[in-house]
Amino acid sequence: QRIFVGDMQRFNMIELGPSTSAGDVIDILEAQGALKGWVGSGGWMVWEIAQDFGMERPIRSFELLADVQASWNKDKMLNTFIVKLTPLAPVLSRSAIPTASPTYSGYVEWEVKRGKWNKRWLQLREHSLWLSKRDNGRDETLICSLSNFDAYHITRLQKTPRPFAFAVKSTDNLSFFENTADYLHMFSCSEKEGKAWMEKILLARSYVLQQERQVLFNPKAPNGNAAGAGALSRSGTRKRPAQPLVAVSPPFTGVQLAHSGDVFEPGSLLHKA
């Protein structure tokens, strides 16, 4: 896989397997010396460049890149990975995962359909996003769960009602959705509020990943399976001789029938008493 470093002008080729995490890629690039000489704040993170939607997101060190690639449209081949310095690195580190799912709320502009925006009350709770017309939440609607959605920065210039825009997009493939309008939700607000929303949603997604996908956090055993207290174990089995389910008497043979003088087996209505 082509992994761009710092910008879209240079890249390194790295072989990605089904268990290659974003943190593994950072370690490989550091060993290759590709991350030396860059100036910036924060730490190194792999970013998903979703060029087909004009947006990008930071990929946490424990996320598997194969899972990210599975959501891409293979026919377009526009999306890629880039490694760059970001202040979000310490925020999205393993040690920064909150002990409870973050909550947040406020008024934002929501893109109802392309180019049409409406003011809505957006609420983050129970690691899900809810929309309503008023802050009393009487008509609230669940728009997505962060189990399979994440926050994205907008990179493609477009007209928005407020200075800052961000998106919440599914991390699954678009083909999973009957209604494509449910796949992506766009919001606009002030820059200060937008950055707060991004951080809260990203943290809530980190919390969900830790709770629901323990395999990403448990160390791997030599056979490739997750090990640890939460891993399932299986006791050894011993080979035993096969035992019949029901004890039955051996069938009568022709010799036995000849000696008994009866050609009918015991139990038959025609058997001699």
Protein backbone atom coordinates (compact mmCIF):
# COMPACT_ATOMS: atom_id res chain seq x y z
CA GLN A 1 0.00 0.00 0.00
CA ARG A 2 1.24 3.48 -0.84
CA ILE A 3 1.51 5.50 2.39
CA PHE A 4 2.09 9.22 1.90
CA VAL A 5 4.28 10.99 4.44
CA GLY A 6 3.77 14.62 5.46
CA ASP A 7 2.15 15.65 2.17
CA MET A 8 0.96 14.14 -1.09
CA GLN A 9 4.38 14.59 -2.74
CA ARG A 10 6.25 11.63 -1.24
CA PHE A 11 5.28 8.15 -0.15
CA ASN A 12 6.62 4.82 1.10
CA MET A 13 5.37 1.38 0.11
CA ILE A 14 4.30 -0.77 3.07
CA GLU A 15 2.78 -4.23 3.00
CA LEU A 16 -0.49 -4.21 4.93
CA GLY A 17 -1.88 -7.42 6.39
CA PRO A 18 -5.28 -8.07 7.99
CA SER A 19 -3.85 -7.31 11.45
CA THR A 20 -1.72 -4.26 10.56
CA SER A 21 -2.70 -1.33 12.78
CA ALA A 22 -2.08 2.38 12.25
CA GLY A 23 0.45 2.24 15.08
CA ASP A 24 2.34 -0.52 13.25
CA VAL A 25 2.65 1.73 10.18
CA ILE A 26 4.05 4.59 12.29
CA ASP A 27 6.64 2.20 13.79
CA ILE A 28 7.66 0.94 10.33
CA LEU A 29 8.06 4.45 8.93
CA GLU A 30 10.09 5.52 11.97
CA ALA A 31 12.39 2.52 11.50
CA GLN A 32 12.81 3.49 7.85
CA GLY A 33 13.74 7.06 8.84
CA ALA A 34 10.84 8.51 6.86
CA LEU A 35 9.59 10.66 9.76
CA LYS A 36 12.83 12.55 10.42
CA GLY A 37 13.18 16.25 9.67
CA TRP A 38 9.48 17.15 9.74
CA VAL A 39 8.34 20.18 11.75
CA GLY A 40 4.96 20.35 13.42
CA SER A 41 3.04 20.03 16.67
CA GLY A 42 1.49 17.01 18.28
CA GLY A 43 2.35 13.47 17.21
CA TRP A 44 2.31 11.28 14.12
CA MET A 45 -0.95 9.67 13.08
CA VAL A 46 -2.19 7.85 10.00
CA TRP A 47 -5.06 9.70 8.31
CA GLU A 48 -7.71 8.26 6.03
CA ILE A 49 -8.02 10.48 2.95
CA ALA A 50 -11.58 9.91 1.71
CA GLN A 51 -11.19 11.81 -1.54
CA ASP A 52 -14.44 10.46 -2.97
CA PHE A 53 -16.26 12.51 -0.29
CA GLY A 54 -13.73 15.32 0.09
CA MET A 55 -12.90 14.63 3.74
CA GLU A 56 -10.36 13.02 6.06
CA ARG A 57 -10.08 11.63 9.57
CA PRO A 58 -7.31 10.57 11.97
CA ILE A 59 -6.99 6.81 12.47
CA ARG A 60 -6.29 5.74 16.03
CA SER A 61 -3.10 3.74 16.60
CA PHE A 62 -5.06 0.58 17.50
CA GLU A 63 -7.38 0.65 14.45
CA LEU A 64 -6.76 -1.89 11.67
CA LEU A 65 -6.10 -0.39 8.24
CA ALA A 66 -7.71 -3.38 6.52
CA ASP A 67 -10.99 -2.41 8.19
CA VAL A 68 -10.64 1.13 6.86
CA GLN A 69 -9.89 -0.10 3.33
CA ALA A 70 -12.96 -2.36 3.43
CA SER A 71 -15.19 0.74 3.45
CA TRP A 72 -13.64 2.19 0.28
CA ASN A 73 -15.17 2.08 -3.17
CA LYS A 74 -12.75 -0.23 -4.97
CA ASP A 75 -13.95 0.96 -8.40
CA LYS A 76 -12.79 4.55 -7.87
CA MET A 77 -9.43 3.91 -6.15
CA LEU A 78 -9.29 7.53 -4.96
CA ASN A 79 -8.78 7.01 -1.26
CA THR A 80 -5.42 6.62 0.40
CA PHE A 81 -3.48 6.96 3.66
CA ILE A 82 -1.23 9.81 4.74
CA VAL A 83 0.91 10.09 7.85
CA LYS A 84 1.19 13.57 9.34
CA LEU A 85 1.75 15.41 12.60
CA THR A 86 -1.42 16.44 14.43
CA PRO A 87 -2.40 17.87 17.84
CA LEU A 88 -5.07 15.13 17.96
CA ALA A 89 -2.43 12.42 18.52
CA PRO A 90 -2.34 12.74 22.34
CA VAL A 91 -6.13 13.22 22.46
CA LEU A 92 -6.76 9.96 20.58
CA SER A 93 -4.06 7.87 22.25
CA ARG A 94 -4.92 4.71 24.16
CA SER A 95 -4.18 6.37 27.49
CA ALA A 96 -6.63 9.21 26.73
CA ILE A 97 -9.67 6.99 26.18
CA PRO A 98 -12.34 8.25 28.61
CA THR A 99 -13.82 6.03 31.31
CA ALA A 100 -17.33 7.10 30.26
CA SER A 101 -18.80 8.06 26.91
CA PRO A 102 -18.59 11.87 26.45
CA THR A 103 -21.71 14.01 26.18
CA TYR A 104 -22.17 17.31 24.35
CA SER A 105 -24.98 19.41 22.84
CA GLY A 106 -25.66 22.62 20.98
CA TYR A 107 -27.33 24.23 17.98
CA VAL A 108 -25.74 23.55 14.58
CA GLU A 109 -26.68 23.90 10.94
CA TRP A 110 -27.51 20.49 9.47
CA GLU A 111 -27.50 19.78 5.73
CA VAL A 112 -30.95 18.31 5.12
CA LYS A 113 -30.15 17.74 1.46
CA ARG A 114 -27.42 18.98 -0.81
CA GLY A 115 -27.18 22.76 -0.46
CA LYS A 116 -30.14 23.07 1.96
CA TRP A 117 -29.33 23.69 5.64
CA ASN A 118 -31.61 23.82 8.69
CA LYS A 119 -30.87 24.85 12.27
CA ARG A 120 -31.09 21.85 14.60
CA TRP A 121 -30.29 20.91 18.20
CA LEU A 122 -27.54 18.26 18.08
CA GLN A 123 -26.88 16.08 21.09
CA LEU A 124 -24.15 13.54 21.74
CA ARG A 125 -25.09 11.00 24.40
CA GLU A 126 -24.86 7.25 24.85
CA HIS A 127 -22.17 7.38 22.10
CA SER A 128 -24.89 8.29 19.59
CA LEU A 129 -26.00 11.49 17.83
CA TRP A 130 -29.56 12.80 18.13
CA LEU A 131 -31.24 15.66 16.23
CA SER A 132 -34.26 17.74 17.20
CA LYS A 133 -35.75 21.11 16.25
CA ARG A 134 -35.62 22.43 19.82
CA ASP A 135 -33.40 21.82 22.82
CA ASN A 136 -36.28 20.16 24.70
CA GLY A 137 -35.69 17.07 22.54
CA ARG A 138 -39.38 16.24 22.17
CA ASP A 139 -39.07 15.39 18.48
CA GLU A 140 -35.52 14.03 18.64
CA THR A 141 -34.37 11.47 16.09
CA LEU A 142 -31.42 9.13 16.30
CA ILE A 143 -29.24 9.80 13.25
CA CYS A 144 -26.35 7.44 13.96
CA SER A 145 -24.45 5.39 16.50
CA LEU A 146 -20.69 5.83 16.83
CA SER A 147 -20.32 2.06 16.80
CA ASN A 148 -19.94 2.42 13.02
CA PHE A 149 -19.67 6.19 12.43
CA ASP A 150 -16.78 8.62 12.98
CA ALA A 151 -16.04 12.34 12.69
CA TYR A 152 -14.38 13.70 9.53
CA HIS A 153 -12.72 17.00 8.63
CA ILE A 154 -14.00 18.58 5.42
CA THR A 155 -11.23 19.12 2.86
CA ARG A 156 -13.23 20.00 -0.26
CA LEU A 157 -14.27 23.66 -0.44
CA GLN A 158 -18.01 24.17 -0.41
CA LYS A 159 -20.53 26.79 0.58
CA THR A 160 -21.68 26.43 4.20
CA PRO A 161 -23.82 28.74 6.37
CA ARG A 162 -21.21 28.95 9.14
CA PRO A 163 -17.39 29.24 9.04
CA PHE A 164 -16.64 25.65 10.14
CA ALA A 165 -17.95 22.40 8.68
CA PHE A 166 -17.50 18.80 9.76
CA ALA A 167 -19.09 15.48 8.89
CA VAL A 168 -20.09 12.25 10.58
CA LYS A 169 -19.72 9.38 8.12
CA SER A 170 -20.15 5.64 8.36
CA THR A 171 -17.03 3.52 8.60
CA ASP A 172 -18.85 0.73 6.73
CA ASN A 173 -19.14 0.37 2.98
CA LEU A 174 -21.81 2.46 1.26
CA SER A 175 -23.32 -0.71 -0.22
CA PHE A 176 -24.61 -1.63 3.26
CA PHE A 177 -27.11 1.26 3.19
CA GLU A 178 -30.50 1.08 1.51
CA ASN A 179 -30.88 4.86 1.85
CA THR A 180 -27.57 6.56 0.96
CA ALA A 181 -28.72 9.71 2.80
CA ASP A 182 -28.11 7.82 6.06
CA TYR A 183 -24.45 7.24 5.18
CA LEU A 184 -23.18 10.80 5.68
CA HIS A 185 -24.31 13.77 7.80
CA MET A 186 -22.87 17.29 7.34
CA PHE A 187 -22.86 20.02 10.00
CA SER A 188 -21.76 23.65 10.11
CA CYS A 189 -21.09 25.93 13.09
CA SER A 190 -18.49 28.31 14.51
CA GLU A 191 -14.87 27.18 14.45
CA LYS A 192 -14.67 26.96 18.24
CA GLU A 193 -17.82 24.85 18.47
CA GLY A 194 -16.78 22.76 15.48
CA LYS A 195 -13.45 21.78 17.02
CA ALA A 196 -15.20 20.92 20.30
CA TRP A 197 -17.71 18.74 18.44
CA MET A 198 -14.93 16.97 16.55
CA GLU A 199 -12.99 16.18 19.71
CA LYS A 200 -16.04 14.94 21.63
CA ILE A 201 -17.22 12.71 18.78
CA LEU A 202 -13.74 11.30 18.19
CA LEU A 203 -13.39 10.49 21.91
CA ALA A 204 -16.83 8.90 22.03
CA ARG A 205 -15.84 6.70 19.08
CA SER A 206 -12.62 5.70 20.90
CA TYR A 207 -14.69 4.72 23.92
CA VAL A 208 -17.00 2.56 21.78
CA LEU A 209 -14.07 0.81 20.10
CA GLN A 210 -12.57 -0.07 23.46
CA GLN A 211 -15.87 -1.39 24.79
CA GLU A 212 -17.03 -3.31 21.73
CA ARG A 213 -13.81 -4.47 20.07
CA GLN A 214 -11.58 -5.82 22.79
CA VAL A 215 -9.59 -7.75 20.18
CA LEU A 216 -7.95 -4.43 19.21
CA PHE A 217 -6.61 -3.97 22.74
CA ASN A 218 -5.63 -7.48 23.87
CA PRO A 219 -2.11 -8.70 23.13
CA LYS A 220 -1.89 -11.35 20.46
CA ALA A 221 -0.98 -14.92 21.20
CA PRO A 222 1.54 -16.74 18.96
CA ASN A 223 -1.30 -18.34 16.98
CA GLY A 224 -2.68 -14.92 16.12
CA ASN A 225 -5.70 -15.02 18.44
CA ALA A 226 -6.28 -12.41 21.10
CA ALA A 227 -5.16 -13.53 24.51
CA GLY A 228 -5.90 -12.17 27.92
CA ALA A 229 -8.51 -12.28 30.61
CA GLY A 230 -11.34 -11.64 28.19
CA ALA A 231 -10.30 -14.21 25.63
CA LEU A 232 -12.28 -17.40 25.33
CA SER A 233 -10.43 -20.57 26.29
CA ARG A 234 -11.12 -24.14 25.30
CA SER A 235 -10.23 -27.15 27.38
CA GLY A 236 -8.28 -29.95 25.78
CA THR A 237 -10.15 -32.99 24.48
CA ARG A 238 -9.15 -36.61 24.87
CA LYS A 239 -9.90 -39.33 22.40
CA ARG A 240 -12.33 -41.85 23.82
CA PRO A 241 -13.80 -45.03 22.34
CA ALA A 242 -17.20 -44.49 20.81
CA GLN A 243 -20.05 -45.50 23.11
CA PRO A 244 -23.55 -46.47 21.89
CA LEU A 245 -26.31 -44.07 22.88
CA VAL A 246 -28.69 -46.94 23.81
CA ALA A 247 -27.75 -50.44 24.99
CA VAL A 248 -29.34 -52.99 22.66
CA SER A 249 -29.08 -56.75 22.56
CA PRO A 250 -27.28 -58.24 19.57
CA PRO A 251 -29.51 -59.20 16.66
CA PHE A 252 -30.53 -62.84 16.18
CA THR A 253 -28.47 -64.70 13.65
CA GLY A 254 -29.66 -67.40 11.33
CA VAL A 255 -27.92 -70.02 13.49
CA GLN A 256 -29.78 -68.88 16.62
CA LEU A 257 -33.10 -68.92 14.78
CA ALA A 258 -32.44 -72.46 13.46
CA HIS A 259 -31.74 -73.83 16.97
CA SER A 260 -34.86 -72.24 18.39
CA GLY A 261 -37.08 -73.82 15.73
CA ASP A 262 -38.73 -70.47 15.07
CA VAL A 263 -38.10 -68.34 12.00
CA PHE A 264 -39.64 -65.28 13.64
CA GLU A 265 -37.66 -63.03 16.01
CA PRO A 266 -38.75 -62.56 19.63
CA GLY A 267 -41.29 -59.75 19.88
CA SER A 268 -43.03 -60.73 16.64
CA LEU A 269 -46.72 -61.60 16.86
CA LEU A 270 -45.94 -64.87 15.00
CA HIS A 271 -43.16 -65.92 17.35
CA LYS A 272 -43.76 -69.12 19.29
CA ALA A 273 -44.22 -68.51 22.99
